Amino acid sequence: MVTVRFFAGARAAAGSAEETLPADLTLTSLVDTLSARHGERMARVLSVASFLVDGLACHDRETPLRSGATVDVLPPFAGG
């Protein structure tokens, strides 16, 4: 399983701080799964979010997510 942790607007769209998904997903398929599960609001957040996989920025969305990985969903933050 992969743990997905939501922050800020992603947490609001998901209605929870985290959830688990199967480990056989890529980041692209994880985004598709979360969008289908949580609807248009989540899809909008995910379209502008950054992703950390085990604490490192993930730029290759086709890399398989290994079992035990943690994916952080980070929407753009505002403030000063």
N, C-alpha and C. Protein backbone atom coordinates (compact mmCIF):
# COMPACT_ATOMS: atom_id res chain seq x y z
N MET A 1 0.84 -1.19 0.00
CA MET A 1 0.00 0.00 0.00
C MET A 1 0.88 1.25 0.00
N VAL A 2 0.32 2.34 -0.50
CA VAL A 2 0.96 3.64 -0.52
C VAL A 2 0.12 4.57 0.35
N THR A 3 0.77 5.31 1.22
CA THR A 3 0.08 6.30 2.04
C THR A 3 0.12 7.64 1.33
N VAL A 4 -1.05 8.25 1.16
CA VAL A 4 -1.16 9.57 0.54
C VAL A 4 -1.56 10.55 1.63
N ARG A 5 -0.72 11.58 1.83
CA ARG A 5 -1.02 12.60 2.83
C ARG A 5 -1.39 13.89 2.12
N PHE A 6 -2.49 14.48 2.58
CA PHE A 6 -3.03 15.69 1.97
C PHE A 6 -2.75 16.90 2.85
N PHE A 7 -2.41 18.02 2.22
CA PHE A 7 -2.14 19.26 2.93
C PHE A 7 -2.99 20.38 2.34
N ALA A 8 -3.36 21.34 3.19
CA ALA A 8 -4.09 22.55 2.81
C ALA A 8 -5.33 22.22 1.98
N GLY A 9 -5.44 22.79 0.77
CA GLY A 9 -6.61 22.60 -0.07
C GLY A 9 -6.85 21.16 -0.48
N ALA A 10 -5.80 20.37 -0.56
CA ALA A 10 -5.96 18.95 -0.88
C ALA A 10 -6.65 18.22 0.27
N ARG A 11 -6.30 18.60 1.50
CA ARG A 11 -6.96 18.00 2.67
C ARG A 11 -8.45 18.35 2.67
N ALA A 12 -8.76 19.60 2.36
CA ALA A 12 -10.16 20.02 2.31
C ALA A 12 -10.92 19.27 1.22
N ALA A 13 -10.30 19.09 0.07
CA ALA A 13 -10.97 18.39 -1.03
C ALA A 13 -11.17 16.92 -0.72
N ALA A 14 -10.20 16.31 -0.02
CA ALA A 14 -10.30 14.88 0.31
C ALA A 14 -11.21 14.63 1.49
N GLY A 15 -11.33 15.62 2.36
CA GLY A 15 -12.12 15.44 3.57
C GLY A 15 -11.39 14.64 4.64
N SER A 16 -10.09 14.44 4.46
CA SER A 16 -9.28 13.73 5.45
C SER A 16 -7.82 14.11 5.25
N ALA A 17 -7.00 13.77 6.22
CA ALA A 17 -5.58 14.11 6.17
C ALA A 17 -4.78 13.09 5.37
N GLU A 18 -5.27 11.84 5.29
CA GLU A 18 -4.55 10.83 4.52
C GLU A 18 -5.44 9.66 4.17
N GLU A 19 -4.97 8.89 3.20
CA GLU A 19 -5.63 7.64 2.82
C GLU A 19 -4.59 6.71 2.22
N THR A 20 -4.95 5.47 2.02
CA THR A 20 -4.03 4.51 1.42
C THR A 20 -4.59 4.02 0.09
N LEU A 21 -3.66 3.75 -0.81
CA LEU A 21 -4.01 3.24 -2.14
C LEU A 21 -3.06 2.08 -2.47
N PRO A 22 -3.40 1.26 -3.45
CA PRO A 22 -2.52 0.15 -3.84
C PRO A 22 -1.16 0.66 -4.32
N ALA A 23 -0.14 -0.14 -4.12
CA ALA A 23 1.22 0.26 -4.47
C ALA A 23 1.54 0.07 -5.95
N ASP A 24 0.67 -0.52 -6.73
CA ASP A 24 0.98 -0.76 -8.14
C ASP A 24 0.67 0.44 -9.03
N LEU A 25 0.42 1.59 -8.45
CA LEU A 25 0.10 2.79 -9.20
C LEU A 25 1.35 3.59 -9.55
N THR A 26 1.25 4.38 -10.62
CA THR A 26 2.22 5.43 -10.89
C THR A 26 1.63 6.72 -10.31
N LEU A 27 2.40 7.79 -10.29
CA LEU A 27 1.85 9.06 -9.81
C LEU A 27 0.70 9.52 -10.70
N THR A 28 0.81 9.30 -12.00
CA THR A 28 -0.27 9.66 -12.92
C THR A 28 -1.55 8.89 -12.57
N SER A 29 -1.46 7.60 -12.37
CA SER A 29 -2.65 6.82 -12.06
C SER A 29 -3.16 7.12 -10.65
N LEU A 30 -2.27 7.49 -9.73
CA LEU A 30 -2.70 7.91 -8.40
C LEU A 30 -3.55 9.17 -8.50
N VAL A 31 -3.10 10.14 -9.30
CA VAL A 31 -3.86 11.38 -9.51
C VAL A 31 -5.22 11.06 -10.12
N ASP A 32 -5.26 10.19 -11.12
CA ASP A 32 -6.53 9.81 -11.75
C ASP A 32 -7.46 9.14 -10.73
N THR A 33 -6.91 8.25 -9.90
CA THR A 33 -7.71 7.55 -8.89
C THR A 33 -8.28 8.53 -7.87
N LEU A 34 -7.45 9.44 -7.39
CA LEU A 34 -7.91 10.42 -6.40
C LEU A 34 -8.95 11.36 -6.99
N SER A 35 -8.77 11.75 -8.24
CA SER A 35 -9.74 12.63 -8.91
C SER A 35 -11.08 11.94 -9.05
N ALA A 36 -11.07 10.66 -9.44
CA ALA A 36 -12.31 9.90 -9.58
C ALA A 36 -12.99 9.69 -8.23
N ARG A 37 -12.20 9.45 -7.22
CA ARG A 37 -12.73 9.17 -5.89
C ARG A 37 -13.31 10.41 -5.22
N HIS A 38 -12.67 11.57 -5.41
CA HIS A 38 -13.04 12.77 -4.66
C HIS A 38 -13.67 13.87 -5.50
N GLY A 39 -13.72 13.73 -6.80
CA GLY A 39 -14.45 14.67 -7.64
C GLY A 39 -13.65 15.84 -8.20
N GLU A 40 -14.39 16.75 -8.80
CA GLU A 40 -13.82 17.88 -9.53
C GLU A 40 -12.96 18.79 -8.67
N ARG A 41 -13.38 19.04 -7.45
CA ARG A 41 -12.59 19.91 -6.57
C ARG A 41 -11.18 19.33 -6.37
N MET A 42 -11.10 18.03 -6.12
CA MET A 42 -9.80 17.39 -5.96
C MET A 42 -9.01 17.43 -7.26
N ALA A 43 -9.67 17.19 -8.38
CA ALA A 43 -8.99 17.22 -9.68
C ALA A 43 -8.35 18.58 -9.92
N ARG A 44 -9.04 19.66 -9.56
CA ARG A 44 -8.47 21.01 -9.72
C ARG A 44 -7.25 21.20 -8.83
N VAL A 45 -7.34 20.74 -7.59
CA VAL A 45 -6.20 20.86 -6.67
C VAL A 45 -5.01 20.06 -7.20
N LEU A 46 -5.26 18.84 -7.63
CA LEU A 46 -4.17 17.98 -8.10
C LEU A 46 -3.52 18.51 -9.36
N SER A 47 -4.27 19.24 -10.18
CA SER A 47 -3.71 19.77 -11.43
C SER A 47 -2.64 20.82 -11.19
N VAL A 48 -2.61 21.42 -9.99
CA VAL A 48 -1.61 22.46 -9.69
C VAL A 48 -0.71 22.07 -8.52
N ALA A 49 -0.91 20.88 -7.98
CA ALA A 49 -0.15 20.45 -6.80
C ALA A 49 1.25 19.97 -7.17
N SER A 50 2.12 20.00 -6.17
CA SER A 50 3.43 19.35 -6.24
C SER A 50 3.33 18.07 -5.42
N PHE A 51 4.20 17.12 -5.72
CA PHE A 51 4.16 15.83 -5.04
C PHE A 51 5.55 15.47 -4.52
N LEU A 52 5.58 15.02 -3.28
CA LEU A 52 6.79 14.46 -2.70
C LEU A 52 6.56 12.97 -2.53
N VAL A 53 7.54 12.17 -2.91
CA VAL A 53 7.50 10.73 -2.67
C VAL A 53 8.63 10.42 -1.71
N ASP A 54 8.25 9.97 -0.53
CA ASP A 54 9.22 9.71 0.53
C ASP A 54 10.11 10.92 0.79
N GLY A 55 9.49 12.10 0.77
CA GLY A 55 10.19 13.33 1.12
C GLY A 55 10.96 13.99 0.00
N LEU A 56 10.96 13.40 -1.19
CA LEU A 56 11.69 13.97 -2.32
C LEU A 56 10.72 14.38 -3.43
N ALA A 57 10.99 15.53 -4.03
CA ALA A 57 10.15 16.00 -5.14
C ALA A 57 10.12 14.96 -6.24
N CYS A 58 8.94 14.69 -6.75
CA CYS A 58 8.77 13.69 -7.80
C CYS A 58 8.37 14.41 -9.09
N HIS A 59 9.22 14.28 -10.11
CA HIS A 59 8.95 14.92 -11.40
C HIS A 59 8.59 13.90 -12.48
N ASP A 60 8.91 12.63 -12.26
CA ASP A 60 8.59 11.57 -13.21
C ASP A 60 7.31 10.89 -12.76
N ARG A 61 6.22 11.26 -13.40
CA ARG A 61 4.91 10.76 -12.97
C ARG A 61 4.61 9.34 -13.43
N GLU A 62 5.53 8.72 -14.14
CA GLU A 62 5.32 7.34 -14.61
C GLU A 62 6.11 6.32 -13.80
N THR A 63 6.87 6.76 -12.81
CA THR A 63 7.61 5.84 -11.96
C THR A 63 6.63 5.11 -11.05
N PRO A 64 6.69 3.78 -10.97
CA PRO A 64 5.80 3.03 -10.07
C PRO A 64 6.07 3.41 -8.60
N LEU A 65 5.01 3.48 -7.84
CA LEU A 65 5.11 3.78 -6.41
C LEU A 65 5.24 2.46 -5.67
N ARG A 66 6.31 2.31 -4.93
CA ARG A 66 6.59 1.05 -4.24
C ARG A 66 5.73 0.93 -2.98
N SER A 67 5.53 -0.29 -2.56
CA SER A 67 4.78 -0.55 -1.33
C SER A 67 5.50 0.10 -0.15
N GLY A 68 4.75 0.78 0.68
CA GLY A 68 5.30 1.46 1.84
C GLY A 68 5.67 2.90 1.59
N ALA A 69 5.56 3.37 0.34
CA ALA A 69 5.90 4.75 0.02
C ALA A 69 4.86 5.71 0.62
N THR A 70 5.32 6.94 0.87
CA THR A 70 4.44 8.01 1.31
C THR A 70 4.47 9.11 0.25
N VAL A 71 3.29 9.49 -0.22
CA VAL A 71 3.15 10.56 -1.20
C VAL A 71 2.48 11.75 -0.51
N ASP A 72 3.17 12.89 -0.51
CA ASP A 72 2.60 14.12 0.02
C ASP A 72 2.06 14.96 -1.12
N VAL A 73 0.81 15.40 -0.99
CA VAL A 73 0.16 16.24 -1.99
C VAL A 73 0.20 17.67 -1.47
N LEU A 74 0.96 18.52 -2.16
CA LEU A 74 1.19 19.90 -1.71
C LEU A 74 0.63 20.90 -2.70
N PRO A 75 -0.55 21.45 -2.43
CA PRO A 75 -1.08 22.50 -3.29
C PRO A 75 -0.21 23.76 -3.15
N PRO A 76 -0.33 24.69 -4.11
CA PRO A 76 0.41 25.95 -3.95
C PRO A 76 -0.01 26.64 -2.65
N PHE A 77 0.95 27.19 -1.96
CA PHE A 77 0.67 27.88 -0.71
C PHE A 77 0.77 29.38 -0.94
N ALA A 78 -0.05 30.13 -0.24
CA ALA A 78 0.01 31.60 -0.30
C ALA A 78 0.39 32.11 1.07
N GLY A 79 0.85 33.29 1.11
CA GLY A 79 1.19 33.89 2.40
C GLY A 79 2.53 34.57 2.34
N GLY A 80 2.90 35.13 3.46
CA GLY A 80 4.16 35.86 3.45
C GLY A 80 4.90 35.73 4.72
